Amino acid sequence: MQNQSVSVTSVALPASSRVTRIYAHPNLADAYTIRLPDNATTDPELLARFMFSHQPAWVGKLLRIRDALVAGFGLKTAKGLEESARTERDKHVSIFRIYERTVDEIVLGEDDKHLDFRVSVFQETRGDVADGGRYLTVSTVVQCHNLLGRTYILLIRPFHEMVVRSSMRSAARIGWPNGS
């Protein structure tokens, strides 16, 4: 495996991604990109399902801690979202609701009383790089509704970055699903 395939880089939100236009003034907007192997699938939903189903074990432990901390505030928990996703698998990727699908992108997310968020899993071939390679970019945008939302984002932001980067690296190390 080449080292570049597990290098995750922070980038600007892709201009052609649907998430760039969802919130006029997001409280959080970030994007991370990784080079895909030439034989990887071009289906963004399949790439998203693969990445979220191969997260490092510590991510699940972190979500359980988060659930215990936020339950008292009446916020949605990962456990609750998981139960919903189980009954409507075609409308979810992992615990995230599917909002939009295009040939290059899937937009996932959830709305809650403290904030709304969207996650884009966007694959594209870039002509701006020497090898014209294919890349996967995971972008997150968050719109807070109140002080609880803004405080929540402030506290989880460093963990969010670690989770996204680690999830992308883990999927790359295992090997992205092949195109058919």
N, C-alpha and C. Protein backbone atom coordinates (compact mmCIF):
# COMPACT_ATOMS: atom_id res chain seq x y z
N MET A 1 0.84 -1.17 0.00
CA MET A 1 0.00 0.00 0.00
C MET A 1 0.88 1.24 0.00
N GLN A 2 0.54 2.23 -0.82
CA GLN A 2 1.31 3.46 -0.89
C GLN A 2 0.95 4.37 0.27
N ASN A 3 1.94 5.10 0.77
CA ASN A 3 1.68 6.01 1.89
C ASN A 3 0.67 7.09 1.55
N GLN A 4 0.65 7.58 0.31
CA GLN A 4 -0.28 8.63 -0.04
C GLN A 4 -1.73 8.18 0.15
N SER A 5 -2.01 6.90 0.07
CA SER A 5 -3.39 6.42 0.18
C SER A 5 -3.94 6.54 1.60
N VAL A 6 -3.08 6.73 2.59
CA VAL A 6 -3.57 6.90 3.96
C VAL A 6 -3.31 8.31 4.48
N SER A 7 -2.88 9.20 3.62
CA SER A 7 -2.66 10.59 4.01
C SER A 7 -3.97 11.35 3.88
N VAL A 8 -4.46 11.86 5.00
CA VAL A 8 -5.70 12.64 5.03
C VAL A 8 -5.31 14.10 5.21
N THR A 9 -5.81 14.94 4.31
CA THR A 9 -5.44 16.35 4.30
C THR A 9 -6.66 17.23 4.54
N SER A 10 -6.48 18.26 5.33
CA SER A 10 -7.52 19.26 5.54
C SER A 10 -7.58 20.15 4.30
N VAL A 11 -8.79 20.38 3.78
CA VAL A 11 -8.98 21.19 2.57
C VAL A 11 -10.19 22.10 2.76
N ALA A 12 -10.35 23.04 1.84
CA ALA A 12 -11.56 23.87 1.83
C ALA A 12 -12.73 23.00 1.37
N LEU A 13 -13.94 23.40 1.73
CA LEU A 13 -15.11 22.69 1.23
C LEU A 13 -15.05 22.69 -0.30
N PRO A 14 -15.28 21.55 -0.93
CA PRO A 14 -15.25 21.54 -2.40
C PRO A 14 -16.33 22.45 -2.98
N ALA A 15 -15.95 23.30 -3.90
CA ALA A 15 -16.89 24.27 -4.48
C ALA A 15 -18.11 23.60 -5.11
N SER A 16 -17.93 22.42 -5.68
CA SER A 16 -19.05 21.75 -6.35
C SER A 16 -19.85 20.83 -5.42
N SER A 17 -19.49 20.79 -4.14
CA SER A 17 -20.23 19.97 -3.18
C SER A 17 -21.54 20.65 -2.78
N ARG A 18 -22.56 19.86 -2.60
CA ARG A 18 -23.89 20.39 -2.22
C ARG A 18 -23.86 21.04 -0.83
N VAL A 19 -22.97 20.57 0.06
CA VAL A 19 -22.99 21.10 1.43
C VAL A 19 -22.50 22.53 1.53
N THR A 20 -21.80 23.02 0.52
CA THR A 20 -21.31 24.39 0.60
C THR A 20 -22.44 25.41 0.60
N ARG A 21 -23.61 25.00 0.14
CA ARG A 21 -24.74 25.92 0.03
C ARG A 21 -25.87 25.65 1.02
N ILE A 22 -25.68 24.73 1.94
CA ILE A 22 -26.77 24.35 2.84
C ILE A 22 -27.04 25.42 3.89
N TYR A 23 -26.00 25.91 4.56
CA TYR A 23 -26.16 26.92 5.59
C TYR A 23 -25.40 28.18 5.18
N ALA A 24 -26.05 29.33 5.28
CA ALA A 24 -25.41 30.60 4.89
C ALA A 24 -24.20 30.91 5.76
N HIS A 25 -24.31 30.68 7.06
CA HIS A 25 -23.22 30.99 7.99
C HIS A 25 -23.06 29.84 8.98
N PRO A 26 -22.43 28.74 8.54
CA PRO A 26 -22.29 27.59 9.44
C PRO A 26 -21.38 27.90 10.64
N ASN A 27 -21.69 27.26 11.76
CA ASN A 27 -20.87 27.40 12.96
C ASN A 27 -19.63 26.51 12.88
N LEU A 28 -19.67 25.51 12.04
CA LEU A 28 -18.53 24.66 11.77
C LEU A 28 -18.61 24.26 10.30
N ALA A 29 -17.50 24.35 9.62
CA ALA A 29 -17.42 23.89 8.23
C ALA A 29 -16.00 23.40 8.02
N ASP A 30 -15.85 22.11 7.76
CA ASP A 30 -14.52 21.56 7.50
C ASP A 30 -14.60 20.44 6.48
N ALA A 31 -13.46 20.14 5.92
CA ALA A 31 -13.40 19.09 4.91
C ALA A 31 -12.02 18.44 4.96
N TYR A 32 -12.02 17.12 4.72
CA TYR A 32 -10.80 16.33 4.71
C TYR A 32 -10.83 15.46 3.47
N THR A 33 -9.68 15.30 2.84
CA THR A 33 -9.63 14.55 1.59
C THR A 33 -8.55 13.47 1.64
N ILE A 34 -8.78 12.43 0.85
CA ILE A 34 -7.84 11.31 0.75
C ILE A 34 -7.86 10.82 -0.69
N ARG A 35 -6.72 10.40 -1.17
CA ARG A 35 -6.61 9.85 -2.53
C ARG A 35 -7.21 8.46 -2.55
N LEU A 36 -8.04 8.19 -3.53
CA LEU A 36 -8.63 6.86 -3.71
C LEU A 36 -7.78 6.07 -4.69
N PRO A 37 -7.70 4.76 -4.51
CA PRO A 37 -7.03 3.94 -5.52
C PRO A 37 -7.81 4.00 -6.83
N ASP A 38 -7.13 3.81 -7.92
CA ASP A 38 -7.77 3.89 -9.24
C ASP A 38 -8.91 2.90 -9.40
N ASN A 39 -8.83 1.75 -8.72
CA ASN A 39 -9.86 0.73 -8.88
C ASN A 39 -11.01 0.83 -7.87
N ALA A 40 -11.00 1.87 -7.03
CA ALA A 40 -12.07 2.02 -6.03
C ALA A 40 -13.39 2.37 -6.71
N THR A 41 -14.47 1.97 -6.09
CA THR A 41 -15.80 2.28 -6.61
C THR A 41 -15.98 3.79 -6.73
N THR A 42 -16.82 4.19 -7.66
CA THR A 42 -17.16 5.60 -7.81
C THR A 42 -18.46 5.94 -7.11
N ASP A 43 -19.07 4.97 -6.46
CA ASP A 43 -20.37 5.16 -5.78
C ASP A 43 -20.14 5.79 -4.40
N PRO A 44 -20.54 7.06 -4.22
CA PRO A 44 -20.30 7.71 -2.94
C PRO A 44 -21.05 7.06 -1.77
N GLU A 45 -22.21 6.50 -2.04
CA GLU A 45 -22.94 5.83 -0.96
C GLU A 45 -22.19 4.59 -0.49
N LEU A 46 -21.68 3.82 -1.42
CA LEU A 46 -20.92 2.62 -1.06
C LEU A 46 -19.64 3.02 -0.30
N LEU A 47 -18.97 4.08 -0.74
CA LEU A 47 -17.78 4.57 -0.04
C LEU A 47 -18.13 5.02 1.38
N ALA A 48 -19.25 5.72 1.54
CA ALA A 48 -19.69 6.18 2.87
C ALA A 48 -20.04 4.99 3.75
N ARG A 49 -20.80 4.04 3.23
CA ARG A 49 -21.17 2.86 4.03
C ARG A 49 -19.91 2.10 4.48
N PHE A 50 -18.95 1.98 3.58
CA PHE A 50 -17.72 1.28 3.91
C PHE A 50 -16.95 2.02 5.01
N MET A 51 -16.79 3.32 4.83
CA MET A 51 -16.03 4.10 5.80
C MET A 51 -16.68 4.06 7.19
N PHE A 52 -17.99 4.26 7.25
CA PHE A 52 -18.66 4.29 8.56
C PHE A 52 -18.76 2.91 9.19
N SER A 53 -18.69 1.85 8.40
CA SER A 53 -18.75 0.50 8.98
C SER A 53 -17.37 -0.03 9.37
N HIS A 54 -16.31 0.71 9.04
CA HIS A 54 -14.95 0.29 9.37
C HIS A 54 -14.23 1.32 10.23
N GLN A 55 -14.97 1.99 11.09
CA GLN A 55 -14.35 2.97 11.97
C GLN A 55 -13.54 2.27 13.06
N PRO A 56 -12.50 2.94 13.54
CA PRO A 56 -11.73 2.37 14.65
C PRO A 56 -12.64 2.11 15.87
N ALA A 57 -12.30 1.10 16.65
CA ALA A 57 -13.12 0.71 17.81
C ALA A 57 -13.29 1.85 18.81
N TRP A 58 -12.28 2.69 18.95
CA TRP A 58 -12.37 3.78 19.93
C TRP A 58 -13.46 4.78 19.58
N VAL A 59 -13.88 4.86 18.32
CA VAL A 59 -14.95 5.78 17.93
C VAL A 59 -16.26 5.35 18.59
N GLY A 60 -16.53 4.05 18.59
CA GLY A 60 -17.74 3.55 19.25
C GLY A 60 -17.73 3.84 20.74
N LYS A 61 -16.59 3.70 21.38
CA LYS A 61 -16.47 4.00 22.81
C LYS A 61 -16.70 5.49 23.06
N LEU A 62 -16.16 6.32 22.19
CA LEU A 62 -16.34 7.76 22.31
C LEU A 62 -17.82 8.14 22.16
N LEU A 63 -18.52 7.49 21.25
CA LEU A 63 -19.95 7.76 21.06
C LEU A 63 -20.77 7.35 22.29
N ARG A 64 -20.38 6.26 22.94
CA ARG A 64 -21.09 5.84 24.15
C ARG A 64 -20.88 6.87 25.27
N ILE A 65 -19.69 7.41 25.37
CA ILE A 65 -19.43 8.46 26.37
C ILE A 65 -20.25 9.69 26.02
N ARG A 66 -20.26 10.07 24.76
CA ARG A 66 -21.05 11.22 24.31
C ARG A 66 -22.53 11.02 24.65
N ASP A 67 -23.05 9.82 24.36
CA ASP A 67 -24.45 9.52 24.65
C ASP A 67 -24.76 9.73 26.13
N ALA A 68 -23.90 9.24 27.00
CA ALA A 68 -24.12 9.37 28.45
C ALA A 68 -24.12 10.83 28.87
N LEU A 69 -23.28 11.64 28.25
CA LEU A 69 -23.18 13.06 28.61
C LEU A 69 -24.35 13.89 28.09
N VAL A 70 -24.84 13.60 26.89
CA VAL A 70 -25.87 14.46 26.29
C VAL A 70 -27.29 14.01 26.59
N ALA A 71 -27.47 12.78 27.04
CA ALA A 71 -28.83 12.27 27.28
C ALA A 71 -29.60 13.16 28.25
N GLY A 72 -28.91 13.69 29.25
CA GLY A 72 -29.56 14.56 30.24
C GLY A 72 -30.04 15.88 29.66
N PHE A 73 -29.53 16.26 28.50
CA PHE A 73 -29.95 17.50 27.85
C PHE A 73 -31.08 17.27 26.85
N GLY A 74 -31.52 16.02 26.72
CA GLY A 74 -32.60 15.70 25.79
C GLY A 74 -32.18 15.67 24.34
N LEU A 75 -30.88 15.51 24.10
CA LEU A 75 -30.39 15.46 22.73
C LEU A 75 -30.47 14.03 22.19
N LYS A 76 -30.50 13.92 20.87
CA LYS A 76 -30.53 12.61 20.24
C LYS A 76 -29.22 11.89 20.54
N THR A 77 -29.32 10.59 20.79
CA THR A 77 -28.12 9.79 21.07
C THR A 77 -27.81 8.89 19.87
N ALA A 78 -26.56 8.48 19.79
CA ALA A 78 -26.16 7.55 18.72
C ALA A 78 -26.95 6.25 18.84
N LYS A 79 -27.18 5.82 20.06
CA LYS A 79 -27.94 4.58 20.27
C LYS A 79 -29.36 4.72 19.72
N GLY A 80 -30.00 5.86 19.98
CA GLY A 80 -31.34 6.10 19.46
C GLY A 80 -31.36 6.20 17.94
N LEU A 81 -30.35 6.87 17.39
CA LEU A 81 -30.25 7.01 15.94
C LEU A 81 -30.00 5.65 15.28
N GLU A 82 -29.23 4.82 15.96
CA GLU A 82 -28.95 3.46 15.46
C GLU A 82 -30.23 2.65 15.35
N GLU A 83 -31.11 2.77 16.35
CA GLU A 83 -32.39 2.04 16.32
C GLU A 83 -33.25 2.50 15.15
N SER A 84 -33.30 3.81 14.90
CA SER A 84 -34.05 4.33 13.75
C SER A 84 -33.47 3.82 12.44
N ALA A 85 -32.14 3.84 12.34
CA ALA A 85 -31.47 3.43 11.12
C ALA A 85 -31.72 1.95 10.81
N ARG A 86 -31.84 1.14 11.86
CA ARG A 86 -32.06 -0.29 11.66
C ARG A 86 -33.38 -0.57 10.96
N THR A 87 -34.41 0.24 11.24
CA THR A 87 -35.72 0.01 10.64
C THR A 87 -35.86 0.64 9.27
N GLU A 88 -34.97 1.60 8.94
CA GLU A 88 -35.04 2.27 7.64
C GLU A 88 -33.65 2.31 7.00
N ARG A 89 -33.06 1.16 6.79
CA ARG A 89 -31.67 1.08 6.29
C ARG A 89 -31.49 1.82 4.98
N ASP A 90 -32.48 1.78 4.09
CA ASP A 90 -32.35 2.45 2.79
C ASP A 90 -32.37 3.97 2.91
N LYS A 91 -32.75 4.49 4.07
CA LYS A 91 -32.79 5.94 4.28
C LYS A 91 -31.65 6.42 5.18
N HIS A 92 -30.73 5.52 5.52
CA HIS A 92 -29.62 5.85 6.42
C HIS A 92 -28.32 5.23 5.94
N VAL A 93 -27.24 5.87 6.30
CA VAL A 93 -25.90 5.30 6.20
C VAL A 93 -25.37 5.36 7.61
N SER A 94 -25.13 4.21 8.19
CA SER A 94 -24.78 4.11 9.61
C SER A 94 -25.91 4.77 10.39
N ILE A 95 -25.60 5.71 11.27
CA ILE A 95 -26.64 6.36 12.07
C ILE A 95 -27.16 7.63 11.41
N PHE A 96 -26.64 7.96 10.23
CA PHE A 96 -26.97 9.23 9.60
C PHE A 96 -28.08 9.10 8.57
N ARG A 97 -29.02 10.01 8.61
CA ARG A 97 -30.11 10.07 7.64
C ARG A 97 -29.56 10.54 6.29
N ILE A 98 -30.04 9.95 5.21
CA ILE A 98 -29.66 10.37 3.86
C ILE A 98 -30.57 11.52 3.44
N TYR A 99 -29.95 12.65 3.09
CA TYR A 99 -30.69 13.81 2.62
C TYR A 99 -30.66 13.97 1.11
N GLU A 100 -29.56 13.58 0.49
CA GLU A 100 -29.42 13.75 -0.95
C GLU A 100 -28.44 12.74 -1.49
N ARG A 101 -28.70 12.30 -2.73
CA ARG A 101 -27.78 11.42 -3.43
C ARG A 101 -27.60 11.97 -4.84
N THR A 102 -26.35 12.04 -5.27
CA THR A 102 -26.06 12.33 -6.68
C THR A 102 -25.02 11.30 -7.12
N VAL A 103 -24.62 11.36 -8.35
CA VAL A 103 -23.66 10.39 -8.87
C VAL A 103 -22.30 10.52 -8.17
N ASP A 104 -21.95 11.71 -7.69
CA ASP A 104 -20.64 11.94 -7.06
C ASP A 104 -20.68 12.17 -5.56
N GLU A 105 -21.89 12.31 -4.99
CA GLU A 105 -21.96 12.75 -3.59
C GLU A 105 -23.19 12.19 -2.90
N ILE A 106 -23.01 11.93 -1.61
CA ILE A 106 -24.15 11.62 -0.75
C ILE A 106 -24.07 12.57 0.44
N VAL A 107 -25.22 13.16 0.77
CA VAL A 107 -25.29 14.11 1.88
C VAL A 107 -26.11 13.46 2.99
N LEU A 108 -25.48 13.36 4.14
CA LEU A 108 -26.05 12.71 5.32
C LEU A 108 -26.19 13.75 6.43
N GLY A 109 -26.91 13.40 7.49
CA GLY A 109 -26.96 14.31 8.62
C GLY A 109 -28.09 14.03 9.56
N GLU A 110 -28.36 15.02 10.39
CA GLU A 110 -29.42 14.92 11.39
C GLU A 110 -29.75 16.33 11.87
N ASP A 111 -30.99 16.51 12.29
CA ASP A 111 -31.44 17.76 12.90
C ASP A 111 -31.79 17.47 14.35
N ASP A 112 -31.45 18.38 15.23
CA ASP A 112 -31.75 18.23 16.65
C ASP A 112 -32.07 19.61 17.20
N LYS A 113 -32.46 19.67 18.45
CA LYS A 113 -32.88 20.95 19.01
C LYS A 113 -31.72 21.92 19.21
N HIS A 114 -30.50 21.42 19.35
CA HIS A 114 -29.36 22.31 19.58
C HIS A 114 -28.61 22.68 18.30
N LEU A 115 -28.68 21.81 17.28
CA LEU A 115 -28.00 22.08 16.02
C LEU A 115 -28.48 21.13 14.94
N ASP A 116 -28.21 21.50 13.70
CA ASP A 116 -28.42 20.65 12.53
C ASP A 116 -27.05 20.48 11.88
N PHE A 117 -26.80 19.30 11.31
CA PHE A 117 -25.53 19.10 10.63
C PHE A 117 -25.72 18.26 9.38
N ARG A 118 -24.80 18.45 8.45
CA ARG A 118 -24.76 17.64 7.24
C ARG A 118 -23.33 17.19 7.01
N VAL A 119 -23.20 15.96 6.55
CA VAL A 119 -21.91 15.37 6.20
C VAL A 119 -21.99 14.98 4.74
N SER A 120 -21.03 15.44 3.97
CA SER A 120 -20.95 15.09 2.55
C SER A 120 -19.82 14.08 2.35
N VAL A 121 -20.12 13.04 1.59
CA VAL A 121 -19.09 12.12 1.13
C VAL A 121 -19.10 12.28 -0.39
N PHE A 122 -18.02 12.91 -0.88
CA PHE A 122 -17.94 13.41 -2.25
C PHE A 122 -16.71 12.84 -2.93
N GLN A 123 -16.89 12.17 -4.07
CA GLN A 123 -15.74 11.63 -4.80
C GLN A 123 -15.64 12.34 -6.13
N GLU A 124 -14.37 12.62 -6.50
CA GLU A 124 -14.15 13.34 -7.75
C GLU A 124 -12.77 13.02 -8.31
N THR A 125 -12.66 13.18 -9.62
CA THR A 125 -11.35 13.10 -10.28
C THR A 125 -10.86 14.52 -10.39
N ARG A 126 -9.63 14.73 -9.95
CA ARG A 126 -9.07 16.09 -9.95
C ARG A 126 -8.08 16.26 -11.09
N GLY A 127 -8.30 17.28 -11.86
CA GLY A 127 -7.37 17.63 -12.92
C GLY A 127 -6.28 18.56 -12.42
N ASP A 128 -6.44 19.08 -11.19
CA ASP A 128 -5.48 20.04 -10.66
C ASP A 128 -4.27 19.39 -9.99
N VAL A 129 -4.22 18.07 -9.99
CA VAL A 129 -3.07 17.35 -9.43
C VAL A 129 -2.34 16.66 -10.56
N ALA A 130 -1.06 16.43 -10.35
CA ALA A 130 -0.20 15.90 -11.41
C ALA A 130 -0.72 14.60 -12.03
N ASP A 131 -1.23 13.70 -11.19
CA ASP A 131 -1.66 12.40 -11.71
C ASP A 131 -3.15 12.35 -12.07
N GLY A 132 -3.87 13.46 -11.89
CA GLY A 132 -5.29 13.48 -12.21
C GLY A 132 -6.06 12.45 -11.40
N GLY A 133 -5.63 12.21 -10.18
CA GLY A 133 -6.19 11.14 -9.36
C GLY A 133 -7.60 11.37 -8.86
N ARG A 134 -8.17 10.30 -8.35
CA ARG A 134 -9.51 10.35 -7.75
C ARG A 134 -9.36 10.56 -6.25
N TYR A 135 -10.23 11.40 -5.70
CA TYR A 135 -10.18 11.75 -4.29
C TYR A 135 -11.56 11.62 -3.65
N LEU A 136 -11.53 11.32 -2.37
CA LEU A 136 -12.74 11.29 -1.56
C LEU A 136 -12.61 12.41 -0.55
N THR A 137 -13.61 13.27 -0.49
CA THR A 137 -13.62 14.37 0.46
C THR A 137 -14.83 14.22 1.37
N VAL A 138 -14.58 14.25 2.66
CA VAL A 138 -15.65 14.20 3.66
C VAL A 138 -15.74 15.61 4.26
N SER A 139 -16.89 16.24 4.07
CA SER A 139 -17.11 17.60 4.56
C SER A 139 -18.22 17.60 5.59
N THR A 140 -18.09 18.46 6.58
CA THR A 140 -19.12 18.61 7.60
C THR A 140 -19.47 20.09 7.74
N VAL A 141 -20.76 20.37 7.77
CA VAL A 141 -21.24 21.72 8.06
C VAL A 141 -22.27 21.62 9.18
N VAL A 142 -22.21 22.58 10.09
CA VAL A 142 -23.09 22.57 11.26
C VAL A 142 -23.71 23.95 11.44
N GLN A 143 -25.00 23.95 11.70
CA GLN A 143 -25.72 25.19 12.02
C GLN A 143 -26.27 25.05 13.43
N CYS A 144 -25.78 25.87 14.36
CA CYS A 144 -26.24 25.83 15.75
C CYS A 144 -27.51 26.67 15.91
N HIS A 145 -28.38 26.22 16.83
CA HIS A 145 -29.63 26.94 17.09
C HIS A 145 -29.58 27.79 18.35
N ASN A 146 -28.65 27.47 19.24
CA ASN A 146 -28.67 28.12 20.54
C ASN A 146 -27.32 27.98 21.24
N LEU A 147 -27.24 28.47 22.46
CA LEU A 147 -26.00 28.41 23.23
C LEU A 147 -25.57 26.96 23.46
N LEU A 148 -26.51 26.06 23.70
CA LEU A 148 -26.17 24.66 23.88
C LEU A 148 -25.45 24.12 22.64
N GLY A 149 -25.95 24.44 21.47
CA GLY A 149 -25.33 23.99 20.23
C GLY A 149 -23.94 24.55 20.04
N ARG A 150 -23.77 25.84 20.30
CA ARG A 150 -22.46 26.47 20.15
C ARG A 150 -21.46 25.91 21.16
N THR A 151 -21.90 25.65 22.38
CA THR A 151 -21.03 25.06 23.40
C THR A 151 -20.67 23.63 23.02
N TYR A 152 -21.65 22.89 22.55
CA TYR A 152 -21.42 21.50 22.12
C TYR A 152 -20.35 21.45 21.03
N ILE A 153 -20.49 22.29 20.01
CA ILE A 153 -19.52 22.31 18.91
C ILE A 153 -18.13 22.66 19.41
N LEU A 154 -18.05 23.63 20.29
CA LEU A 154 -16.76 24.02 20.85
C LEU A 154 -16.08 22.84 21.55
N LEU A 155 -16.87 22.05 22.27
CA LEU A 155 -16.31 20.91 23.02
C LEU A 155 -15.96 19.71 22.14
N ILE A 156 -16.76 19.46 21.13
CA ILE A 156 -16.53 18.23 20.34
C ILE A 156 -15.63 18.44 19.12
N ARG A 157 -15.38 19.67 18.75
CA ARG A 157 -14.62 19.94 17.52
C ARG A 157 -13.30 19.14 17.43
N PRO A 158 -12.45 19.13 18.47
CA PRO A 158 -11.20 18.36 18.34
C PRO A 158 -11.45 16.85 18.15
N PHE A 159 -12.50 16.33 18.79
CA PHE A 159 -12.83 14.91 18.64
C PHE A 159 -13.37 14.64 17.24
N HIS A 160 -14.18 15.56 16.74
CA HIS A 160 -14.75 15.44 15.40
C HIS A 160 -13.64 15.27 14.37
N GLU A 161 -12.63 16.12 14.44
CA GLU A 161 -11.52 16.06 13.49
C GLU A 161 -10.80 14.70 13.59
N MET A 162 -10.55 14.25 14.81
CA MET A 162 -9.88 12.95 14.99
C MET A 162 -10.71 11.81 14.43
N VAL A 163 -12.02 11.85 14.66
CA VAL A 163 -12.91 10.79 14.18
C VAL A 163 -12.92 10.75 12.65
N VAL A 164 -13.08 11.90 12.01
CA VAL A 164 -13.14 11.92 10.55
C VAL A 164 -11.83 11.43 9.95
N ARG A 165 -10.72 11.99 10.41
CA ARG A 165 -9.42 11.59 9.86
C ARG A 165 -9.15 10.09 10.09
N SER A 166 -9.41 9.61 11.30
CA SER A 166 -9.17 8.20 11.61
C SER A 166 -10.07 7.27 10.82
N SER A 167 -11.31 7.67 10.62
CA SER A 167 -12.24 6.84 9.85
C SER A 167 -11.79 6.72 8.40
N MET A 168 -11.33 7.82 7.83
CA MET A 168 -10.85 7.79 6.45
C MET A 168 -9.58 6.94 6.33
N ARG A 169 -8.66 7.11 7.28
CA ARG A 169 -7.42 6.32 7.26
C ARG A 169 -7.71 4.83 7.43
N SER A 170 -8.63 4.51 8.35
CA SER A 170 -8.97 3.11 8.60
C SER A 170 -9.53 2.45 7.34
N ALA A 171 -10.44 3.14 6.67
CA ALA A 171 -11.03 2.59 5.44
C ALA A 171 -9.96 2.40 4.37
N ALA A 172 -9.04 3.35 4.27
CA ALA A 172 -7.96 3.25 3.27
C ALA A 172 -7.03 2.09 3.58
N ARG A 173 -6.71 1.89 4.84
CA ARG A 173 -5.82 0.79 5.22
C ARG A 173 -6.46 -0.57 4.93
N ILE A 174 -7.75 -0.66 5.20
CA ILE A 174 -8.46 -1.92 4.92
C ILE A 174 -8.54 -2.14 3.42
N GLY A 175 -8.78 -1.06 2.68
CA GLY A 175 -8.88 -1.14 1.22
C GLY A 175 -10.27 -0.78 0.77
N TRP A 176 -10.42 0.34 0.11
CA TRP A 176 -11.72 0.80 -0.38
C TRP A 176 -12.37 -0.25 -1.26
N PRO A 177 -13.70 -0.35 -1.28
CA PRO A 177 -14.35 -1.32 -2.16
C PRO A 177 -14.07 -1.02 -3.64
N ASN A 178 -13.91 -2.07 -4.41
CA ASN A 178 -13.61 -1.94 -5.84
C ASN A 178 -14.86 -1.56 -6.62
N GLY A 179 -14.63 -0.89 -7.73
CA GLY A 179 -15.72 -0.59 -8.66
C GLY A 179 -16.02 -1.82 -9.49
N SER A 180 -17.21 -1.89 -10.03
CA SER A 180 -17.53 -3.06 -10.85
C SER A 180 -17.92 -2.67 -12.24
